[in-house]
Structures are given as structure tokens and as C-alpha cells.
Amino acid sequence: MEILKQFYSNEKVKQTLVNFITDGRLPHALLLEGEAGCGKTHFARLVACAALCNSTQKPCGQCRSCRLILQDNHPDVLVLSPDTPEKPYSVSALRDLILSCYVLPNDGEKKVYILRNIHEMSEQAQNTLLKIIEEPPAHVIFILTCQSRARILPTILSRVVTLPISPCPEELCAQALLERNPSASEEDCLRMARQCGGNIGRALTIMQDEKLSSIYDKAQEAAKLICAGSEFDLLCLLNSYNRKKEEFLLFLTELRQIFVQIIRQKNGGADKNFLPESLLHRVSALQSMRIIDIIDTVSAEANQNVSVALAGAHLCSAIQQILHS
């Protein structure tokens, strides 16, 4: 079980997995809930290791099965994501997946299906998935991930064991960033850990991707403009993403995370210097939550081929209505 110790923080969740293994009652369906970048997919692989490990101390991380799983090469572990060209979350693709569940494992006693970000499934697709989650074959385990259980059908939630995966403490996140980026300074790692709320995956992505780092800086600027009530300047910033849909969607993701952090800061759960108090006091926690809802709505519109210019204008006007209501 040494490999579990390498997963930062989330001690309660790790102990729950150990208890499942020790008692021999690993659920047939788990749902890992948490924000993007917090390690849900990696923990899902650790659960798969626990299910297929050949050692007495599961998961060992060293046996052939564990190594293959961690390398994404195990024949009985399938990892699906909604953003692949194969469109694995279409109803027809899910029906094919259900049929594959009845085929016996190739290499072990179990088949493990890791389905990432199922909150992006349509209601019809979730209902299709429900059919196999209700009564799966004995040799099948489903490990699902999502950013919010609020976007998952209650019928699915009632048939899975939900485990929340959380970002780690900021100091621990900074340590992880420094281990992975030895050339970075301790000060930069701690600053990024604070700005990302202890989310290692998100912080690493921003530090290692110049384009995303630039987008993150623009999202920070946008958050300050929103708090300051600078509607015209915000609209000018949003216009810079016209005809740049992919970058606009990344910008919205970063802006959403910033307002999640603003809520944490207001509730005493984030670094006090995340945003200047002179700006922070201008927006309430309730307004921040409503702004997050607007960002989610605009993201969905942009994904449904609404033009970036129109989506940006909607974002700007809706936020101003929230701030002046």
C-alpha cells in the first residue's frame, strides 16, 4: 500500500479504500468527485490497482498488474474521456460498452472501466449508463469521475459510492510543484499553490504551459475588473478572444476557479492575499456563486457553437446584473 502514500493529502479517502480492500468489499461502482486537476483520474488508477493487484498488500504499485495499470497498458482497464474523437459518451458507444462488460477479463479476475468527467454526459447517456451500473456482471467495476455530483442523475448517485477528492494544503502543493519543477523557486511554487488553492494538477499545467499561463493571467485580470465593476474594460478583454473558441473556453475554466477561490478566501479557507481586500469586499460570496453559475452557462453556450463574441457579451452583461442586483 506504499503507493497510496504517494497520493498527496486526502487521508480519509485513502483510508476508506484501504478499508474496502481489507474487508474484501470493494464497491462495484465508485464516483470520485472533485475539481479539475485534483487527481481524480490518478486515484481511479490506484483503485484499479487495488482491484487487480497480485500482491497481498494491495495496491502494491510494483507487481505486473499495477505497473501495467499505471502505464495505461492493462488489457482489463479501460479509461474513457468525453473529449476524445471517438465520442465514447454517445448513446450508441455506451451501448457497445455495456455489451463489452459481459466479455470475461483477459488477464485478471476483474474488468475496470474508468469513465472520466461523466458530468459531461447527456441525460440520455447517463440513463444508458445506469442500465449497467444497476446490475453489472460480478467481474466488472466502474470508477466514475465528475467535477460536481449536482450534474449527475440522482438514480446514478443512489447506486454508487461517492468519494470526494480534494486539493491538498497549499504548503504540500508547493512541495509537490518544487519536486516536479526543480528549476522553479520556492517562492514561485508557493505563490502558484496559493493561487490554485492547492490543486497540484492545475498548478503544474499553468507553470508548464506558456499559453495557459497567459490565459490564467488574463483570468486574474478579468476577476479584478469584475470586482471593480469595470464593465467596459471587461468587455474589451473578452473581445480579445473573438474567433478563439478554445482559448476562450480555457479562460472561462480559469475564471471559474478564481471565483471558487474567492469564495474560499471569504470563508477563511484560502490565502488572504489571493485578491486585494479593496476589491474582494465589493463582491459577496453569494454573488460569486451566481457568477460561477453564469460562467458555467456561458461555457455550455460556447460549446454549443454560440459565437465567442455573443457568449462574451452575455457573460459581461449577466455579471453586471448580478453585481447591481
Protein backbone atom coordinates (compact mmCIF):
# COMPACT_ATOMS: atom_id res chain seq x y z
CA MET A 1 0.00 0.00 0.00
CA GLU A 2 3.05 2.25 -0.21
CA ILE A 3 1.77 3.68 -3.47
CA LEU A 4 -1.20 5.25 -1.67
CA LYS A 5 1.19 7.28 0.48
CA GLN A 6 2.45 8.94 -2.71
CA PHE A 7 -1.02 10.39 -3.34
CA TYR A 8 -0.97 13.78 -1.65
CA SER A 9 -3.40 14.52 1.20
CA ASN A 10 -6.97 13.01 1.10
CA GLU A 11 -6.14 10.73 4.04
CA LYS A 12 -9.78 9.90 4.75
CA VAL A 13 -10.43 8.80 1.17
CA LYS A 14 -7.26 6.68 1.12
CA GLN A 15 -8.23 5.03 4.40
CA THR A 16 -11.69 4.30 3.00
CA LEU A 17 -10.08 2.49 0.06
CA VAL A 18 -7.83 0.53 2.44
CA ASN A 19 -10.90 -0.49 4.45
CA PHE A 20 -12.67 -1.65 1.29
CA ILE A 21 -9.65 -3.75 0.34
CA THR A 22 -9.12 -5.18 3.84
CA ASP A 23 -12.78 -6.14 4.17
CA GLY A 24 -12.96 -7.54 0.65
CA ARG A 25 -15.89 -5.34 -0.27
CA LEU A 26 -14.68 -3.00 -2.98
CA PRO A 27 -17.91 -1.48 -4.43
CA HIS A 28 -18.88 -2.31 -7.98
CA ALA A 29 -19.26 1.42 -8.71
CA LEU A 30 -17.36 4.39 -7.27
CA LEU A 31 -17.80 8.07 -8.06
CA LEU A 32 -14.78 10.32 -7.45
CA GLU A 33 -15.89 13.94 -7.15
CA GLY A 34 -13.59 16.96 -7.24
CA GLU A 35 -12.42 19.95 -9.25
CA ALA A 36 -10.36 19.51 -12.41
CA GLY A 37 -6.70 18.83 -11.66
CA CYS A 38 -7.09 17.49 -8.13
CA GLY A 39 -6.05 13.92 -9.01
CA LYS A 40 -9.31 12.05 -9.59
CA THR A 41 -8.05 10.07 -12.58
CA HIS A 42 -4.82 9.12 -10.83
CA PHE A 43 -6.76 7.95 -7.77
CA ALA A 44 -9.07 5.98 -10.08
CA ARG A 45 -5.99 4.12 -11.37
CA LEU A 46 -4.98 3.40 -7.77
CA VAL A 47 -8.42 1.90 -7.17
CA ALA A 48 -7.95 -0.21 -10.32
CA CYS A 49 -4.58 -1.31 -8.95
CA ALA A 50 -6.27 -2.34 -5.71
CA ALA A 51 -8.81 -4.41 -7.67
CA LEU A 52 -6.24 -6.23 -9.82
CA CYS A 53 -3.08 -6.24 -7.69
CA ASN A 54 -1.28 -9.59 -7.36
CA SER A 55 0.31 -8.76 -4.01
CA THR A 56 -1.06 -9.42 -0.53
CA GLN A 57 -0.63 -5.72 0.26
CA LYS A 58 -2.98 -4.14 -2.26
CA PRO A 59 -2.26 -1.94 -4.10
CA CYS A 60 1.46 -2.54 -4.14
CA GLY A 61 2.29 -0.47 -7.21
CA GLN A 62 5.11 -2.91 -8.07
CA CYS A 63 3.50 -6.09 -9.43
CA ARG A 64 2.91 -6.63 -13.13
CA SER A 65 -0.77 -5.67 -12.94
CA CYS A 66 -0.11 -2.45 -11.02
CA ARG A 67 2.69 -1.43 -13.39
CA LEU A 68 0.53 -2.03 -16.46
CA ILE A 69 -2.35 -0.03 -14.97
CA LEU A 70 -0.14 2.91 -14.04
CA GLN A 71 1.29 2.84 -17.59
CA ASP A 72 -2.22 2.70 -19.12
CA ASN A 73 -1.42 -0.66 -20.70
CA HIS A 74 -3.55 -3.14 -18.77
CA PRO A 75 -5.91 -5.08 -21.09
CA ASP A 76 -8.66 -5.19 -18.45
CA VAL A 77 -8.65 -1.49 -17.54
CA LEU A 78 -10.37 0.91 -19.93
CA VAL A 79 -10.08 4.69 -19.44
CA LEU A 80 -12.60 6.85 -21.31
CA SER A 81 -12.79 10.64 -21.59
CA PRO A 82 -15.53 12.79 -23.16
CA ASP A 83 -13.10 14.88 -25.21
CA THR A 84 -11.70 12.11 -27.43
CA PRO A 85 -12.62 11.95 -31.14
CA GLU A 86 -14.30 8.56 -30.67
CA LYS A 87 -17.18 10.24 -28.77
CA PRO A 88 -17.31 7.47 -26.15
CA TYR A 89 -20.25 9.03 -24.31
CA SER A 90 -22.69 8.89 -27.19
CA VAL A 91 -25.62 6.58 -26.52
CA SER A 92 -24.53 4.13 -29.22
CA ALA A 93 -20.97 3.99 -27.87
CA LEU A 94 -22.25 3.37 -24.34
CA ARG A 95 -24.44 0.53 -25.60
CA ASP A 96 -21.34 -1.06 -27.11
CA LEU A 97 -19.55 -0.58 -23.79
CA ILE A 98 -22.39 -2.37 -22.00
CA LEU A 99 -22.02 -5.35 -24.33
CA SER A 100 -18.26 -5.45 -23.68
CA CYS A 101 -18.93 -5.73 -19.94
CA TYR A 102 -20.20 -9.28 -20.44
CA VAL A 103 -16.92 -10.41 -22.00
CA LEU A 104 -14.71 -12.07 -19.38
CA PRO A 105 -11.42 -10.39 -18.34
CA ASN A 106 -8.30 -11.10 -20.38
CA ASP A 107 -5.65 -11.06 -17.70
CA GLY A 108 -7.19 -10.96 -14.24
CA GLU A 109 -10.30 -11.53 -12.19
CA LYS A 110 -11.86 -8.11 -12.82
CA LYS A 111 -12.51 -5.65 -15.62
CA VAL A 112 -12.31 -1.99 -14.61
CA TYR A 113 -13.95 0.84 -16.52
CA ILE A 114 -12.73 4.35 -15.63
CA LEU A 115 -15.14 6.92 -17.05
CA ARG A 116 -13.80 10.46 -16.65
CA ASN A 117 -15.97 13.56 -16.26
CA ILE A 118 -19.34 11.88 -16.58
CA HIS A 119 -20.97 15.22 -15.72
CA GLU A 120 -20.44 15.98 -19.43
CA MET A 121 -22.75 13.12 -20.41
CA SER A 122 -26.22 13.99 -21.65
CA GLU A 123 -29.18 12.87 -19.56
CA GLN A 124 -29.94 10.18 -22.14
CA ALA A 125 -26.35 8.94 -21.98
CA GLN A 126 -26.43 8.84 -18.18
CA ASN A 127 -29.65 6.83 -18.31
CA THR A 128 -27.96 4.40 -20.71
CA LEU A 129 -25.01 4.04 -18.32
CA LEU A 130 -27.43 3.49 -15.44
CA LYS A 131 -28.63 0.24 -17.01
CA ILE A 132 -25.25 -1.45 -16.49
CA ILE A 133 -24.45 0.23 -13.16
CA GLU A 134 -27.68 -1.10 -11.68
CA GLU A 135 -26.73 -4.76 -12.24
CA PRO A 136 -23.21 -5.16 -13.61
CA PRO A 137 -21.58 -8.59 -14.09
CA ALA A 138 -19.71 -9.74 -10.99
CA HIS A 139 -16.34 -9.26 -12.70
CA VAL A 140 -16.93 -5.56 -13.58
CA ILE A 141 -16.03 -2.44 -11.57
CA PHE A 142 -16.92 1.10 -12.62
CA ILE A 143 -14.90 4.08 -11.41
CA LEU A 144 -16.56 7.33 -12.46
CA THR A 145 -15.26 10.86 -12.01
CA CYS A 146 -17.06 14.20 -12.02
CA GLN A 147 -16.50 17.79 -11.01
CA SER A 148 -19.86 18.10 -9.29
CA ARG A 149 -22.39 15.46 -8.27
CA ALA A 150 -25.10 18.10 -8.82
CA ARG A 151 -24.77 17.38 -12.55
CA ILE A 152 -25.24 13.61 -12.11
CA LEU A 153 -28.65 11.94 -12.20
CA PRO A 154 -29.96 11.01 -8.72
CA THR A 155 -30.59 7.48 -9.99
CA ILE A 156 -26.86 7.07 -10.67
CA LEU A 157 -25.86 8.69 -7.38
CA SER A 158 -28.05 6.22 -5.49
CA ARG A 159 -26.13 3.29 -6.99
CA VAL A 160 -22.54 4.44 -6.47
CA VAL A 161 -20.29 5.13 -3.50
CA THR A 162 -19.15 8.75 -3.76
CA LEU A 163 -15.68 9.74 -2.56
CA PRO A 164 -14.69 13.44 -2.58
CA ILE A 165 -11.15 14.16 -3.81
CA SER A 166 -9.85 17.49 -2.53
CA PRO A 167 -6.85 19.70 -3.37
CA CYS A 168 -4.07 19.38 -0.83
CA PRO A 169 -2.85 22.02 1.65
CA GLU A 170 -1.02 24.85 -0.09
CA GLU A 171 2.35 24.09 1.54
CA LEU A 172 2.13 20.46 0.43
CA CYS A 173 1.13 21.55 -3.08
CA ALA A 174 4.14 23.87 -3.22
CA GLN A 175 6.38 20.96 -2.18
CA ALA A 176 4.94 18.81 -4.98
CA LEU A 177 5.45 21.60 -7.52
CA LEU A 178 9.07 22.05 -6.45
CA GLU A 179 9.72 18.30 -6.74
CA ARG A 180 8.39 18.32 -10.30
CA ASN A 181 9.99 21.65 -11.26
CA PRO A 182 13.44 21.75 -9.59
CA SER A 183 14.36 24.85 -11.58
CA ALA A 184 11.46 26.83 -10.12
CA SER A 185 11.92 28.89 -6.97
CA GLU A 186 10.23 28.01 -3.69
CA GLU A 187 8.55 31.42 -3.76
CA ASP A 188 7.04 30.86 -7.22
CA CYS A 189 5.82 27.38 -6.26
CA LEU A 190 4.18 28.66 -3.09
CA ARG A 191 2.57 31.57 -4.98
CA MET A 192 1.16 29.23 -7.62
CA ALA A 193 -0.01 26.76 -4.95
CA ARG A 194 -1.89 29.57 -3.23
CA GLN A 195 -3.39 30.89 -6.45
CA CYS A 196 -4.56 27.41 -7.43
CA GLY A 197 -5.86 26.56 -3.96
CA GLY A 198 -3.58 23.55 -3.51
CA ASN A 199 -4.63 21.98 -6.83
CA ILE A 200 -1.41 20.28 -7.97
CA GLY A 201 -2.57 19.30 -11.44
CA ARG A 202 -3.88 22.75 -12.28
CA ALA A 203 -0.78 24.50 -10.89
CA LEU A 204 1.56 22.19 -12.85
CA THR A 205 -0.35 22.78 -16.08
CA ILE A 206 -0.17 26.55 -15.71
CA MET A 207 3.53 26.52 -14.82
CA GLN A 208 4.46 24.28 -17.75
CA ASP A 209 2.26 25.81 -20.47
CA GLU A 210 3.06 29.35 -21.58
CA LYS A 211 -0.26 29.81 -23.38
CA LEU A 212 -2.25 28.62 -20.38
CA SER A 213 -0.12 30.80 -18.09
CA SER A 214 -1.07 33.80 -20.23
CA ILE A 215 -4.74 32.79 -20.11
CA TYR A 216 -4.53 32.45 -16.34
CA ASP A 217 -3.08 35.96 -16.07
CA LYS A 218 -5.98 37.29 -18.17
CA ALA A 219 -8.47 35.45 -15.96
CA GLN A 220 -6.87 37.10 -12.92
CA GLU A 221 -7.20 40.47 -14.61
CA ALA A 222 -10.84 39.73 -15.50
CA ALA A 223 -11.63 38.79 -11.90
CA LYS A 224 -10.22 42.11 -10.71
CA LEU A 225 -12.23 44.00 -13.34
CA ILE A 226 -15.40 42.16 -12.27
CA CYS A 227 -14.84 43.02 -8.62
CA ALA A 228 -14.09 46.64 -9.56
CA GLY A 229 -17.24 46.86 -11.69
CA SER A 230 -15.27 47.86 -14.81
CA GLU A 231 -17.77 46.61 -17.38
CA PHE A 232 -16.23 48.31 -20.45
CA ASP A 233 -12.69 47.10 -19.69
CA LEU A 234 -14.01 43.59 -19.06
CA LEU A 235 -15.82 43.58 -22.41
CA CYS A 236 -12.62 44.74 -24.16
CA LEU A 237 -10.69 41.90 -22.52
CA LEU A 238 -13.32 39.35 -23.56
CA ASN A 239 -13.25 40.68 -27.15
CA SER A 240 -9.61 39.60 -27.37
CA TYR A 241 -10.90 36.01 -27.57
CA ASN A 242 -13.10 36.59 -30.63
CA ARG A 243 -12.58 33.70 -33.08
CA LYS A 244 -10.50 31.91 -30.43
CA LYS A 245 -13.05 29.48 -29.03
CA GLU A 246 -10.58 27.01 -27.50
CA GLU A 247 -8.70 29.76 -25.65
CA PHE A 248 -12.00 31.34 -24.55
CA LEU A 249 -13.15 28.06 -23.00
CA LEU A 250 -9.81 27.71 -21.17
CA PHE A 251 -10.18 31.30 -19.99
CA LEU A 252 -13.66 30.53 -18.60
CA THR A 253 -12.30 27.48 -16.77
CA GLU A 254 -9.60 29.58 -15.11
CA LEU A 255 -12.04 32.40 -14.29
CA ARG A 256 -14.39 29.89 -12.67
CA GLN A 257 -11.61 28.51 -10.48
CA ILE A 258 -10.66 32.02 -9.39
CA PHE A 259 -14.19 32.67 -8.15
CA VAL A 260 -14.16 29.32 -6.36
CA GLN A 261 -11.04 30.59 -4.61
CA ILE A 262 -12.70 33.94 -3.87
CA ILE A 263 -15.47 32.07 -2.05
CA ARG A 264 -12.84 30.09 -0.12
CA GLN A 265 -11.00 33.29 0.75
CA LYS A 266 -14.18 34.91 2.03
CA ASN A 267 -14.81 31.85 4.19
CA GLY A 268 -11.26 31.83 5.56
CA GLY A 269 -10.17 28.83 3.51
CA ALA A 270 -7.65 30.47 1.18
CA ASP A 271 -4.65 32.73 1.35
CA LYS A 272 -5.63 36.23 2.48
CA ASN A 273 -3.62 37.83 -0.34
CA PHE A 274 -5.37 35.94 -3.13
CA LEU A 275 -7.15 39.16 -4.14
CA PRO A 276 -6.72 42.61 -2.58
CA GLU A 277 -9.24 43.29 0.17
CA SER A 278 -10.09 46.59 -1.56
CA LEU A 279 -11.55 44.55 -4.44
CA LEU A 280 -12.70 41.50 -2.52
CA HIS A 281 -15.20 43.35 -0.36
CA ARG A 282 -17.08 44.52 -3.47
CA VAL A 283 -18.43 41.07 -4.29
CA SER A 284 -20.22 38.79 -1.82
CA ALA A 285 -19.90 35.00 -1.56
CA LEU A 286 -23.48 34.67 -2.89
CA GLN A 287 -22.67 36.89 -5.87
CA SER A 288 -19.54 34.83 -6.51
CA MET A 289 -21.63 31.65 -6.56
CA ARG A 290 -24.02 33.23 -9.05
CA ILE A 291 -21.09 34.36 -11.19
CA ILE A 292 -19.85 30.76 -11.25
CA ASP A 293 -23.31 29.67 -12.46
CA ILE A 294 -23.15 32.27 -15.24
CA ILE A 295 -19.68 31.09 -16.27
CA ASP A 296 -20.99 27.51 -16.48
CA THR A 297 -23.92 28.68 -18.62
CA VAL A 298 -21.69 30.66 -20.98
CA SER A 299 -19.27 27.70 -21.26
CA ALA A 300 -22.17 25.48 -22.30
CA GLU A 301 -23.28 28.10 -24.86
CA ALA A 302 -19.79 28.34 -26.34
CA ASN A 303 -19.63 24.53 -26.56
CA GLN A 304 -22.93 24.59 -28.44
CA ASN A 305 -21.46 26.83 -31.16
CA VAL A 306 -22.68 30.20 -29.87
CA SER A 307 -20.14 32.71 -31.16
CA VAL A 308 -17.42 33.78 -28.73
CA ALA A 309 -18.40 37.44 -29.20
CA LEU A 310 -22.02 36.73 -28.25
CA ALA A 311 -21.04 34.44 -25.35
CA GLY A 312 -18.61 37.08 -24.03
CA ALA A 313 -21.26 39.80 -24.23
CA HIS A 314 -23.70 37.56 -22.36
CA LEU A 315 -21.10 36.88 -19.66
CA CYS A 316 -20.37 40.56 -19.22
CA SER A 317 -24.00 41.71 -19.06
CA ALA A 318 -25.11 38.86 -16.78
CA ILE A 319 -22.29 39.55 -14.32
CA GLN A 320 -23.16 43.23 -14.22
CA GLN A 321 -26.78 42.35 -13.45
CA ILE A 322 -25.61 40.17 -10.57
CA LEU A 323 -23.37 42.89 -9.15
CA HIS A 324 -26.08 45.53 -9.33
CA SER A 325 -28.98 43.42 -8.11
